[in-house]
Amino acid sequence: MEDTVYNYVVFDLLNGLDELGIERSKILSQLNLTESDLKNDMRIPMDKVEEIWSMLIKKSPDPAIGLKVSLNTDPKEYGIFAALYFSSKNALQGMRMYEKYINLISHYDFLKLEIVNDVVKLSYNFPDLPHSIQVIERTFVMALVLTNKISTKIVRPLSLNLVHQKPEYYRAYTEIFNCEISFSSEQNNMIFSREDLERENLVQNNYLNLISTNHADKLLDQVKMNTPFITRVTNILMNNVSNTNFGLSNLAKDLGMSDRSIRRKLQEADLSFIQLKNKIRMDISITMLDKNHTIQEVTYFLNFSDQSAFSKAFKKWTGVSPANYIKVK
């Protein structure tokens, strides 16, 4: 399965190319993408994003393009992240949301938020890929831009620490972050005053934040279910969905892995074997009922002892009985 990223990732890059006089439509056509691919929470193949980065760096005369590409972008183009940030109580809550949902961007990304007394540290790591420095630069700029969009006072970091060596365009860092900056550090992180981040957001919206959080949770579940390992496990479980005795040890044998390794990898996706098995059985039962199979047929297919046992399980999964589901579907 190919690696993908959340579509908002490419907005800044496309805008940067627009400013260089390169029409967006031509870029998208060259990459076999359309404007519709950039809407409705679509995910974009990682190799396409790499191609856009390559174009931007090649065409731009500014070596600091990784820093500057996010400065003038409308944060509303950040999709669900903008909704989460703008509706948060304050920038600190916004950063917590950023940390929680970072894997909506890409499974490559690792972001950690730490609070120690009066200091907040935002750490970010990205693998050594062709444009990793530009991705790291852009991520910290984006966090700062979003923070200042909802703060009642200009927020500047206390310090910025970066693993890569000091670049020729280091003065651009000073202009943008206006803080102490260290290169060749052990970790990429940006440090803030907690007081600065806890200033009230004047446009906070609890209702919008709740809706946005629910939507982000659903998107995150989809991402977790689409990893190569989860896909492989899902296929095995689907092939054995009628076998009620198929357990973790059977799965381990099919995968050639230990029970412990499987549990660990499932935990990384916030899943357990039973949760995934039940989700598959629930999805299949809903699909069959939607296709007008009877409750008895679903009961038989999933190998429940009787209709009562199936109805009890279905209600536990969905909150409604299969009979009531059929009535309202």
Foldseek 3Di string as FASTA:
>chain_A
DFWWFWLLVCPLLLVLVVVLVDDSCVLCVVLVHDPVCSDDRHIGGPVSSVVSVVVNCVSDPDVLCLQVSQVPDDCVSVPLLLLQLLQDFWLVSSVVVCQVLVCNGTPQKHWDWDDDPFKIKIFIDGDPDPCRVSPLNNVVLNSQNSRCVQFPDRFAFQEWEEQADQDPVNVVVCVRRVHHYYYNDPTTMTMGGNVRGNHGGPRHDPVSNVVSVVVSVVSLLVSLCPDPVNVVLLVVLVVCQQPPPDDLVNSCVVVVHDSVVVQVSQVVSVHGPVRSSLVSLLVVLVVCVVVVDDLQVSCVRSNPPGSVRVQVSNCVVPVHGSVVVSVPD
